[in-house]
Amino acid sequence: MAEFLEILMIVSFGISWPMNVLKSWRARTTKGKSLSFLVLILAGYVAGIASKLVNEAYMASFGEKWYVLVFYCINFVMVSTDFALYFRNLRLDRRVEKEE
C-alpha cells in the first residue's frame, strides 16, 4: 500500500510538471516564478532518487519496482526543464527591460 501511495504522489506531480513547463514556455517571463522553489524541488527529487538507490530492499526487488524510480527521474527532467526555462525567461525579461 505504501508503494501505491508513493506512486500516486509521484504521478500526481508528474502530471503537474508538464503543465507548469508549458506555462513557463508560453509566459516568456520569470514573473510569478521562484528560483529557490525550483532548486528545492530539484534537491527533493535528487534525494528521492538517491534514497531509492541506497535502499537495499528496493534495489533487491528493482526488477519488479523499477517504474517507481522511472517516475522520479521523469519528474526530475520536467523540473530541470522548468529550471532551464527560468533562465531563458530571465534573459527575455532583461531584454524587455533594456528596450524600455
PDB file of N, CA and C in Angstrom:
ATOM      1  N   MET A   1       0.810  -1.196   0.000  1.00  0.00           N
ATOM      2  CA  MET A   1       0.000   0.000   0.000  1.00  0.00           C
ATOM      3  C   MET A   1       0.858   1.266   0.000  1.00  0.00           C
ATOM      4  N   ALA A   2       1.961   1.240   0.765  1.00  0.00           N
ATOM      5  CA  ALA A   2       2.842   2.411   0.832  1.00  0.00           C
ATOM      6  C   ALA A   2       3.426   2.734  -0.540  1.00  0.00           C
ATOM      7  N   GLU A   3       3.805   1.698  -1.280  1.00  0.00           N
ATOM      8  CA  GLU A   3       4.356   1.914  -2.617  1.00  0.00           C
ATOM      9  C   GLU A   3       3.306   2.514  -3.553  1.00  0.00           C
ATOM     10  N   PHE A   4       2.075   2.039  -3.452  1.00  0.00           N
ATOM     11  CA  PHE A   4       0.994   2.574  -4.273  1.00  0.00           C
ATOM     12  C   PHE A   4       0.789   4.059  -3.984  1.00  0.00           C
ATOM     13  N   LEU A   5       0.804   4.432  -2.702  1.00  0.00           N
ATOM     14  CA  LEU A   5       0.627   5.837  -2.339  1.00  0.00           C
ATOM     15  C   LEU A   5       1.794   6.694  -2.829  1.00  0.00           C
ATOM     16  N   GLU A   6       3.004   6.148  -2.762  1.00  0.00           N
ATOM     17  CA  GLU A   6       4.168   6.867  -3.265  1.00  0.00           C
ATOM     18  C   GLU A   6       4.043   7.075  -4.774  1.00  0.00           C
ATOM     19  N   ILE A   7       3.631   6.056  -5.483  1.00  0.00           N
ATOM     20  CA  ILE A   7       3.447   6.168  -6.925  1.00  0.00           C
ATOM     21  C   ILE A   7       2.358   7.183  -7.242  1.00  0.00           C
ATOM     22  N   LEU A   8       1.283   7.165  -6.482  1.00  0.00           N
ATOM     23  CA  LEU A   8       0.204   8.132  -6.682  1.00  0.00           C
ATOM     24  C   LEU A   8       0.707   9.562  -6.510  1.00  0.00           C
ATOM     25  N   MET A   9       1.538   9.787  -5.494  1.00  0.00           N
ATOM     26  CA  MET A   9       2.125  11.109  -5.279  1.00  0.00           C
ATOM     27  C   MET A   9       3.013  11.506  -6.455  1.00  0.00           C
ATOM     28  N   ILE A  10       3.879  10.618  -6.868  1.00  0.00           N
ATOM     29  CA  ILE A  10       4.808  10.911  -7.958  1.00  0.00           C
ATOM     30  C   ILE A  10       4.063  11.151  -9.269  1.00  0.00           C
ATOM     31  N   VAL A  11       3.049  10.351  -9.553  1.00  0.00           N
ATOM     32  CA  VAL A  11       2.267  10.526 -10.780  1.00  0.00           C
ATOM     33  C   VAL A  11       1.503  11.848 -10.739  1.00  0.00           C
ATOM     34  N   SER A  12       0.973  12.205  -9.585  1.00  0.00           N
ATOM     35  CA  SER A  12       0.271  13.494  -9.458  1.00  0.00           C
ATOM     36  C   SER A  12       1.213  14.647  -9.764  1.00  0.00           C
ATOM     37  N   PHE A  13       2.402  14.600  -9.193  1.00  0.00           N
ATOM     38  CA  PHE A  13       3.389  15.630  -9.509  1.00  0.00           C
ATOM     39  C   PHE A  13       3.770  15.550 -10.983  1.00  0.00           C
ATOM     40  N   GLY A  14       3.893  14.337 -11.481  1.00  0.00           N
ATOM     41  CA  GLY A  14       4.284  14.135 -12.874  1.00  0.00           C
ATOM     42  C   GLY A  14       3.293  14.728 -13.851  1.00  0.00           C
ATOM     43  N   ILE A  15       2.035  14.725 -13.502  1.00  0.00           N
ATOM     44  CA  ILE A  15       1.024  15.333 -14.357  1.00  0.00           C
ATOM     45  C   ILE A  15       1.103  16.856 -14.273  1.00  0.00           C
ATOM     46  N   SER A  16       1.457  17.366 -13.116  1.00  0.00           N
ATOM     47  CA  SER A  16       1.508  18.814 -12.898  1.00  0.00           C
ATOM     48  C   SER A  16       2.700  19.477 -13.585  1.00  0.00           C
ATOM     49  N   TRP A  17       3.845  18.830 -13.581  1.00  0.00           N
ATOM     50  CA  TRP A  17       5.045  19.482 -14.095  1.00  0.00           C
ATOM     51  C   TRP A  17       4.997  19.800 -15.584  1.00  0.00           C
ATOM     52  N   PRO A  18       4.508  18.921 -16.447  1.00  0.00           N
ATOM     53  CA  PRO A  18       4.438  19.314 -17.867  1.00  0.00           C
ATOM     54  C   PRO A  18       3.556  20.545 -18.089  1.00  0.00           C
ATOM     55  N   MET A  19       2.479  20.651 -17.311  1.00  0.00           N
ATOM     56  CA  MET A  19       1.625  21.841 -17.428  1.00  0.00           C
ATOM     57  C   MET A  19       2.382  23.085 -16.983  1.00  0.00           C
ATOM     58  N   ASN A  20       3.185  22.953 -15.938  1.00  0.00           N
ATOM     59  CA  ASN A  20       3.975  24.077 -15.449  1.00  0.00           C
ATOM     60  C   ASN A  20       5.050  24.476 -16.459  1.00  0.00           C
ATOM     61  N   VAL A  21       5.670  23.493 -17.082  1.00  0.00           N
ATOM     62  CA  VAL A  21       6.686  23.768 -18.105  1.00  0.00           C
ATOM     63  C   VAL A  21       6.051  24.503 -19.285  1.00  0.00           C
ATOM     64  N   LEU A  22       4.893  24.047 -19.723  1.00  0.00           N
ATOM     65  CA  LEU A  22       4.192  24.702 -20.823  1.00  0.00           C
ATOM     66  C   LEU A  22       3.831  26.144 -20.469  1.00  0.00           C
ATOM     67  N   LYS A  23       3.391  26.348 -19.249  1.00  0.00           N
ATOM     68  CA  LYS A  23       3.068  27.706 -18.793  1.00  0.00           C
ATOM     69  C   LYS A  23       4.312  28.591 -18.808  1.00  0.00           C
ATOM     70  N   SER A  24       5.436  28.072 -18.353  1.00  0.00           N
ATOM     71  CA  SER A  24       6.690  28.829 -18.371  1.00  0.00           C
ATOM     72  C   SER A  24       7.113  29.153 -19.798  1.00  0.00           C
ATOM     73  N   TRP A  25       6.954  28.187 -20.688  1.00  0.00           N
ATOM     74  CA  TRP A  25       7.325  28.387 -22.089  1.00  0.00           C
ATOM     75  C   TRP A  25       6.489  29.500 -22.715  1.00  0.00           C
ATOM     76  N   ARG A  26       5.192  29.451 -22.481  1.00  0.00           N
ATOM     77  CA  ARG A  26       4.289  30.435 -23.079  1.00  0.00           C
ATOM     78  C   ARG A  26       4.401  31.803 -22.429  1.00  0.00           C
ATOM     79  N   ALA A  27       4.631  31.858 -21.130  1.00  0.00           N
ATOM     80  CA  ALA A  27       4.663  33.133 -20.405  1.00  0.00           C
ATOM     81  C   ALA A  27       5.854  33.992 -20.815  1.00  0.00           C
ATOM     82  N   ARG A  28       6.974  33.357 -21.095  1.00  0.00           N
ATOM     83  CA  ARG A  28       8.190  34.066 -21.509  1.00  0.00           C
ATOM     84  C   ARG A  28       8.622  35.119 -20.491  1.00  0.00           C
ATOM     85  N   THR A  29       8.364  34.857 -19.213  1.00  0.00           N
ATOM     86  CA  THR A  29       8.768  35.760 -18.144  1.00  0.00           C
ATOM     87  C   THR A  29       9.006  34.957 -16.865  1.00  0.00           C
ATOM     88  N   THR A  30       9.792  35.529 -15.974  1.00  0.00           N
ATOM     89  CA  THR A  30      10.031  34.891 -14.678  1.00  0.00           C
ATOM     90  C   THR A  30       9.052  35.397 -13.620  1.00  0.00           C
ATOM     91  N   LYS A  31       8.211  36.335 -13.993  1.00  0.00           N
ATOM     92  CA  LYS A  31       7.247  36.870 -13.027  1.00  0.00           C
ATOM     93  C   LYS A  31       6.363  35.739 -12.512  1.00  0.00           C
ATOM     94  N   GLY A  32       6.265  35.644 -11.205  1.00  0.00           N
ATOM     95  CA  GLY A  32       5.467  34.602 -10.588  1.00  0.00           C
ATOM     96  C   GLY A  32       6.220  33.289 -10.380  1.00  0.00           C
ATOM     97  N   LYS A  33       7.488  33.237 -10.768  1.00  0.00           N
ATOM     98  CA  LYS A  33       8.295  32.026 -10.596  1.00  0.00           C
ATOM     99  C   LYS A  33       9.285  32.245  -9.462  1.00  0.00           C
ATOM    100  N   SER A  34       9.639  31.181  -8.802  1.00  0.00           N
ATOM    101  CA  SER A  34      10.606  31.240  -7.713  1.00  0.00           C
ATOM    102  C   SER A  34      11.752  30.287  -8.007  1.00  0.00           C
ATOM    103  N   LEU A  35      12.932  30.852  -8.189  1.00  0.00           N
ATOM    104  CA  LEU A  35      14.108  30.027  -8.448  1.00  0.00           C
ATOM    105  C   LEU A  35      14.414  29.146  -7.236  1.00  0.00           C
ATOM    106  N   SER A  36      14.283  29.690  -6.038  1.00  0.00           N
ATOM    107  CA  SER A  36      14.572  28.890  -4.840  1.00  0.00           C
ATOM    108  C   SER A  36      13.597  27.714  -4.728  1.00  0.00           C
ATOM    109  N   PHE A  37      12.337  27.907  -5.108  1.00  0.00           N
ATOM    110  CA  PHE A  37      11.369  26.813  -5.096  1.00  0.00           C
ATOM    111  C   PHE A  37      11.811  25.709  -6.052  1.00  0.00           C
ATOM    112  N   LEU A  38      12.211  26.081  -7.261  1.00  0.00           N
ATOM    113  CA  LEU A  38      12.651  25.084  -8.234  1.00  0.00           C
ATOM    114  C   LEU A  38      13.882  24.330  -7.742  1.00  0.00           C
ATOM    115  N   VAL A  39      14.812  25.053  -7.122  1.00  0.00           N
ATOM    116  CA  VAL A  39      16.026  24.418  -6.595  1.00  0.00           C
ATOM    117  C   VAL A  39      15.661  23.424  -5.489  1.00  0.00           C
ATOM    118  N   LEU A  40      14.747  23.821  -4.607  1.00  0.00           N
ATOM    119  CA  LEU A  40      14.333  22.921  -3.531  1.00  0.00           C
ATOM    120  C   LEU A  40      13.635  21.675  -4.071  1.00  0.00           C
ATOM    121  N   ILE A  41      12.802  21.842  -5.083  1.00  0.00           N
ATOM    122  CA  ILE A  41      12.125  20.693  -5.684  1.00  0.00           C
ATOM    123  C   ILE A  41      13.143  19.765  -6.349  1.00  0.00           C
ATOM    124  N   LEU A  42      14.097  20.358  -7.082  1.00  0.00           N
ATOM    125  CA  LEU A  42      15.148  19.538  -7.698  1.00  0.00           C
ATOM    126  C   LEU A  42      15.924  18.767  -6.639  1.00  0.00           C
ATOM    127  N   ALA A  43      16.275  19.446  -5.556  1.00  0.00           N
ATOM    128  CA  ALA A  43      17.014  18.791  -4.469  1.00  0.00           C
ATOM    129  C   ALA A  43      16.175  17.658  -3.873  1.00  0.00           C
ATOM    130  N   GLY A  44      14.883  17.876  -3.758  1.00  0.00           N
ATOM    131  CA  GLY A  44      13.997  16.834  -3.240  1.00  0.00           C
ATOM    132  C   GLY A  44      13.965  15.608  -4.143  1.00  0.00           C
ATOM    133  N   TYR A  45      13.918  15.840  -5.445  1.00  0.00           N
ATOM    134  CA  TYR A  45      13.930  14.701  -6.367  1.00  0.00           C
ATOM    135  C   TYR A  45      15.276  13.984  -6.349  1.00  0.00           C
ATOM    136  N   VAL A  46      16.364  14.733  -6.220  1.00  0.00           N
ATOM    137  CA  VAL A  46      17.682  14.097  -6.107  1.00  0.00           C
ATOM    138  C   VAL A  46      17.704  13.223  -4.858  1.00  0.00           C
ATOM    139  N   ALA A  47      17.173  13.748  -3.747  1.00  0.00           N
ATOM    140  CA  ALA A  47      17.131  12.961  -2.509  1.00  0.00           C
ATOM    141  C   ALA A  47      16.249  11.729  -2.676  1.00  0.00           C
ATOM    142  N   GLY A  48      15.111  11.880  -3.357  1.00  0.00           N
ATOM    143  CA  GLY A  48      14.220  10.748  -3.587  1.00  0.00           C
ATOM    144  C   GLY A  48      14.870   9.667  -4.430  1.00  0.00           C
ATOM    145  N   ILE A  49      15.560  10.091  -5.486  1.00  0.00           N
ATOM    146  CA  ILE A  49      16.259   9.137  -6.357  1.00  0.00           C
ATOM    147  C   ILE A  49      17.379   8.450  -5.581  1.00  0.00           C
ATOM    148  N   ALA A  50      18.152   9.258  -4.826  1.00  0.00           N
ATOM    149  CA  ALA A  50      19.249   8.685  -4.033  1.00  0.00           C
ATOM    150  C   ALA A  50      18.719   7.710  -2.992  1.00  0.00           C
ATOM    151  N   SER A  51      17.573   8.038  -2.385  1.00  0.00           N
ATOM    152  CA  SER A  51      17.020   7.138  -1.365  1.00  0.00           C
ATOM    153  C   SER A  51      16.666   5.783  -1.965  1.00  0.00           C
ATOM    154  N   LYS A  52      16.193   5.780  -3.192  1.00  0.00           N
ATOM    155  CA  LYS A  52      15.887   4.508  -3.851  1.00  0.00           C
ATOM    156  C   LYS A  52      17.166   3.727  -4.142  1.00  0.00           C
ATOM    157  N   LEU A  53      18.193   4.437  -4.601  1.00  0.00           N
ATOM    158  CA  LEU A  53      19.434   3.770  -4.986  1.00  0.00           C
ATOM    159  C   LEU A  53      20.192   3.186  -3.798  1.00  0.00           C
ATOM    160  N   VAL A  54      20.049   3.797  -2.615  1.00  0.00           N
ATOM    161  CA  VAL A  54      20.771   3.285  -1.442  1.00  0.00           C
ATOM    162  C   VAL A  54      19.908   2.356  -0.589  1.00  0.00           C
ATOM    163  N   ASN A  55      18.646   2.186  -0.946  1.00  0.00           N
ATOM    164  CA  ASN A  55      17.741   1.311  -0.209  1.00  0.00           C
ATOM    165  C   ASN A  55      17.946  -0.128  -0.695  1.00  0.00           C
ATOM    166  N   GLU A  56      18.558  -0.930   0.167  1.00  0.00           N
ATOM    167  CA  GLU A  56      18.886  -2.307  -0.223  1.00  0.00           C
ATOM    168  C   GLU A  56      17.647  -3.123  -0.573  1.00  0.00           C
ATOM    169  N   ALA A  57      16.571  -2.929   0.181  1.00  0.00           N
ATOM    170  CA  ALA A  57      15.346  -3.689  -0.082  1.00  0.00           C
ATOM    171  C   ALA A  57      14.763  -3.311  -1.442  1.00  0.00           C
ATOM    172  N   TYR A  58      14.793  -2.017  -1.753  1.00  0.00           N
ATOM    173  CA  TYR A  58      14.279  -1.577  -3.063  1.00  0.00           C
ATOM    174  C   TYR A  58      15.149  -2.122  -4.183  1.00  0.00           C
ATOM    175  N   MET A  59      16.455  -1.995  -4.033  1.00  0.00           N
ATOM    176  CA  MET A  59      17.358  -2.452  -5.085  1.00  0.00           C
ATOM    177  C   MET A  59      17.292  -3.969  -5.260  1.00  0.00           C
ATOM    178  N   ALA A  60      17.031  -4.697  -4.188  1.00  0.00           N
ATOM    179  CA  ALA A  60      16.910  -6.155  -4.283  1.00  0.00           C
ATOM    180  C   ALA A  60      15.689  -6.548  -5.115  1.00  0.00           C
ATOM    181  N   SER A  61      14.662  -5.702  -5.094  1.00  0.00           N
ATOM    182  CA  SER A  61      13.459  -6.000  -5.877  1.00  0.00           C
ATOM    183  C   SER A  61      13.318  -5.043  -7.062  1.00  0.00           C
ATOM    184  N   PHE A  62      14.433  -4.490  -7.515  1.00  0.00           N
ATOM    185  CA  PHE A  62      14.423  -3.492  -8.588  1.00  0.00           C
ATOM    186  C   PHE A  62      13.740  -4.015  -9.845  1.00  0.00           C
ATOM    187  N   GLY A  63      13.927  -5.264 -10.169  1.00  0.00           N
ATOM    188  CA  GLY A  63      13.307  -5.854 -11.353  1.00  0.00           C
ATOM    189  C   GLY A  63      11.800  -5.759 -11.336  1.00  0.00           C
ATOM    190  N   GLU A  64      11.220  -5.740 -10.150  1.00  0.00           N
ATOM    191  CA  GLU A  64       9.768  -5.643 -10.013  1.00  0.00           C
ATOM    192  C   GLU A  64       9.287  -4.204  -9.793  1.00  0.00           C
ATOM    193  N   LYS A  65      10.164  -3.325  -9.301  1.00  0.00           N
ATOM    194  CA  LYS A  65       9.735  -1.981  -8.898  1.00  0.00           C
ATOM    195  C   LYS A  65      10.496  -0.861  -9.614  1.00  0.00           C
ATOM    196  N   TRP A  66      11.073  -1.149 -10.746  1.00  0.00           N
ATOM    197  CA  TRP A  66      11.869  -0.160 -11.475  1.00  0.00           C
ATOM    198  C   TRP A  66      11.061   1.081 -11.836  1.00  0.00           C
ATOM    199  N   TYR A  67       9.772   0.928 -12.058  1.00  0.00           N
ATOM    200  CA  TYR A  67       8.915   2.018 -12.517  1.00  0.00           C
ATOM    201  C   TYR A  67       8.854   3.176 -11.511  1.00  0.00           C
ATOM    202  N   VAL A  68       9.027   2.884 -10.220  1.00  0.00           N
ATOM    203  CA  VAL A  68       8.992   3.956  -9.218  1.00  0.00           C
ATOM    204  C   VAL A  68      10.148   4.919  -9.474  1.00  0.00           C
ATOM    205  N   LEU A  69      11.322   4.384  -9.677  1.00  0.00           N
ATOM    206  CA  LEU A  69      12.493   5.208  -9.942  1.00  0.00           C
ATOM    207  C   LEU A  69      12.344   5.961 -11.264  1.00  0.00           C
ATOM    208  N   VAL A  70      11.722   5.337 -12.247  1.00  0.00           N
ATOM    209  CA  VAL A  70      11.495   5.980 -13.543  1.00  0.00           C
ATOM    210  C   VAL A  70      10.635   7.227 -13.365  1.00  0.00           C
ATOM    211  N   PHE A  71       9.587   7.142 -12.545  1.00  0.00           N
ATOM    212  CA  PHE A  71       8.732   8.305 -12.315  1.00  0.00           C
ATOM    213  C   PHE A  71       9.503   9.437 -11.638  1.00  0.00           C
ATOM    214  N   TYR A  72      10.352   9.099 -10.679  1.00  0.00           N
ATOM    215  CA  TYR A  72      11.193  10.110 -10.044  1.00  0.00           C
ATOM    216  C   TYR A  72      12.079  10.797 -11.102  1.00  0.00           C
ATOM    217  N   CYS A  73      12.672  10.013 -11.965  1.00  0.00           N
ATOM    218  CA  CYS A  73      13.568  10.561 -12.993  1.00  0.00           C
ATOM    219  C   CYS A  73      12.815  11.419 -13.996  1.00  0.00           C
ATOM    220  N   ILE A  74      11.636  10.991 -14.406  1.00  0.00           N
ATOM    221  CA  ILE A  74      10.829  11.794 -15.339  1.00  0.00           C
ATOM    222  C   ILE A  74      10.481  13.136 -14.704  1.00  0.00           C
ATOM    223  N   ASN A  75      10.066  13.115 -13.451  1.00  0.00           N
ATOM    224  CA  ASN A  75       9.745  14.366 -12.764  1.00  0.00           C
ATOM    225  C   ASN A  75      10.973  15.253 -12.625  1.00  0.00           C
ATOM    226  N   PHE A  76      12.118  14.647 -12.347  1.00  0.00           N
ATOM    227  CA  PHE A  76      13.357  15.419 -12.255  1.00  0.00           C
ATOM    228  C   PHE A  76      13.655  16.115 -13.582  1.00  0.00           C
ATOM    229  N   VAL A  77      13.460  15.410 -14.674  1.00  0.00           N
ATOM    230  CA  VAL A  77      13.681  16.008 -16.004  1.00  0.00           C
ATOM    231  C   VAL A  77      12.707  17.156 -16.249  1.00  0.00           C
ATOM    232  N   MET A  78      11.458  16.986 -15.847  1.00  0.00           N
ATOM    233  CA  MET A  78      10.456  18.053 -16.026  1.00  0.00           C
ATOM    234  C   MET A  78      10.830  19.298 -15.225  1.00  0.00           C
ATOM    235  N   VAL A  79      11.224  19.109 -13.974  1.00  0.00           N
ATOM    236  CA  VAL A  79      11.607  20.256 -13.146  1.00  0.00           C
ATOM    237  C   VAL A  79      12.891  20.885 -13.684  1.00  0.00           C
ATOM    238  N   SER A  80      13.809  20.070 -14.176  1.00  0.00           N
ATOM    239  CA  SER A  80      15.036  20.602 -14.779  1.00  0.00           C
ATOM    240  C   SER A  80      14.722  21.443 -16.009  1.00  0.00           C
ATOM    241  N   THR A  81      13.737  21.016 -16.782  1.00  0.00           N
ATOM    242  CA  THR A  81      13.309  21.785 -17.951  1.00  0.00           C
ATOM    243  C   THR A  81      12.732  23.123 -17.519  1.00  0.00           C
ATOM    244  N   ASP A  82      11.906  23.118 -16.486  1.00  0.00           N
ATOM    245  CA  ASP A  82      11.348  24.367 -15.971  1.00  0.00           C
ATOM    246  C   ASP A  82      12.458  25.253 -15.421  1.00  0.00           C
ATOM    247  N   PHE A  83      13.447  24.645 -14.788  1.00  0.00           N
ATOM    248  CA  PHE A  83      14.610  25.374 -14.268  1.00  0.00           C
ATOM    249  C   PHE A  83      15.351  26.070 -15.415  1.00  0.00           C
ATOM    250  N   ALA A  84      15.578  25.357 -16.497  1.00  0.00           N
ATOM    251  CA  ALA A  84      16.251  25.938 -17.670  1.00  0.00           C
ATOM    252  C   ALA A  84      15.404  27.057 -18.278  1.00  0.00           C
ATOM    253  N   LEU A  85      14.102  26.840 -18.340  1.00  0.00           N
ATOM    254  CA  LEU A  85      13.217  27.878 -18.880  1.00  0.00           C
ATOM    255  C   LEU A  85      13.228  29.130 -18.012  1.00  0.00           C
ATOM    256  N   TYR A  86      13.444  28.970 -16.731  1.00  0.00           N
ATOM    257  CA  TYR A  86      13.557  30.139 -15.846  1.00  0.00           C
ATOM    258  C   TYR A  86      14.672  31.054 -16.350  1.00  0.00           C
ATOM    259  N   PHE A  87      15.803  30.480 -16.689  1.00  0.00           N
ATOM    260  CA  PHE A  87      16.929  31.291 -17.139  1.00  0.00           C
ATOM    261  C   PHE A  87      16.700  31.865 -18.539  1.00  0.00           C
ATOM    262  N   ARG A  88      16.029  31.105 -19.386  1.00  0.00           N
ATOM    263  CA  ARG A  88      15.647  31.661 -20.688  1.00  0.00           C
ATOM    264  C   ARG A  88      14.719  32.853 -20.488  1.00  0.00           C
ATOM    265  N   ASN A  89      13.735  32.692 -19.639  1.00  0.00           N
ATOM    266  CA  ASN A  89      12.773  33.764 -19.402  1.00  0.00           C
ATOM    267  C   ASN A  89      13.406  34.950 -18.691  1.00  0.00           C
ATOM    268  N   LEU A  90      14.376  34.692 -17.829  1.00  0.00           N
ATOM    269  CA  LEU A  90      15.106  35.778 -17.181  1.00  0.00           C
ATOM    270  C   LEU A  90      15.847  36.612 -18.226  1.00  0.00           C
ATOM    271  N   ARG A  91      16.461  35.936 -19.178  1.00  0.00           N
ATOM    272  CA  ARG A  91      17.145  36.629 -20.266  1.00  0.00           C
ATOM    273  C   ARG A  91      16.149  37.466 -21.076  1.00  0.00           C
ATOM    274  N   LEU A  92      14.984  36.911 -21.355  1.00  0.00           N
ATOM    275  CA  LEU A  92      13.953  37.648 -22.090  1.00  0.00           C
ATOM    276  C   LEU A  92      13.452  38.841 -21.285  1.00  0.00           C
ATOM    277  N   ASP A  93      13.276  38.672 -19.978  1.00  0.00           N
ATOM    278  CA  ASP A  93      12.868  39.794 -19.120  1.00  0.00           C
ATOM    279  C   ASP A  93      13.890  40.921 -19.172  1.00  0.00           C
ATOM    280  N   ARG A  94      15.147  40.570 -19.105  1.00  0.00           N
ATOM    281  CA  ARG A  94      16.211  41.594 -19.144  1.00  0.00           C
ATOM    282  C   ARG A  94      16.248  42.300 -20.486  1.00  0.00           C
ATOM    283  N   ARG A  95      16.007  41.563 -21.549  1.00  0.00           N
ATOM    284  CA  ARG A  95      15.962  42.160 -22.885  1.00  0.00           C
ATOM    285  C   ARG A  95      14.813  43.172 -22.978  1.00  0.00           C
ATOM    286  N   VAL A  96      13.662  42.812 -22.457  1.00  0.00           N
ATOM    287  CA  VAL A  96      12.493  43.710 -22.482  1.00  0.00           C
ATOM    288  C   VAL A  96      12.789  44.956 -21.636  1.00  0.00           C
ATOM    289  N   GLU A  97      13.400  44.777 -20.470  1.00  0.00           N
ATOM    290  CA  GLU A  97      13.742  45.918 -19.626  1.00  0.00           C
ATOM    291  C   GLU A  97      14.709  46.852 -20.328  1.00  0.00           C
ATOM    292  N   LYS A  98      15.660  46.291 -21.054  1.00  0.00           N
ATOM    293  CA  LYS A  98      16.645  47.090 -21.757  1.00  0.00           C
ATOM    294  C   LYS A  98      15.995  47.906 -22.877  1.00  0.00           C
ATOM    295  N   GLU A  99      14.992  47.326 -23.539  1.00  0.00           N
ATOM    296  CA  GLU A  99      14.312  48.004 -24.640  1.00  0.00           C
ATOM    297  C   GLU A  99      13.410  49.128 -24.158  1.00  0.00           C
ATOM    298  N   GLU A 100      12.981  49.063 -22.908  1.00  0.00           N
ATOM    299  CA  GLU A 100      12.060  50.094 -22.387  1.00  0.00           C
ATOM    300  C   GLU A 100      12.757  51.345 -21.981  1.00  0.00           C
TER     301      GLU A 100
END
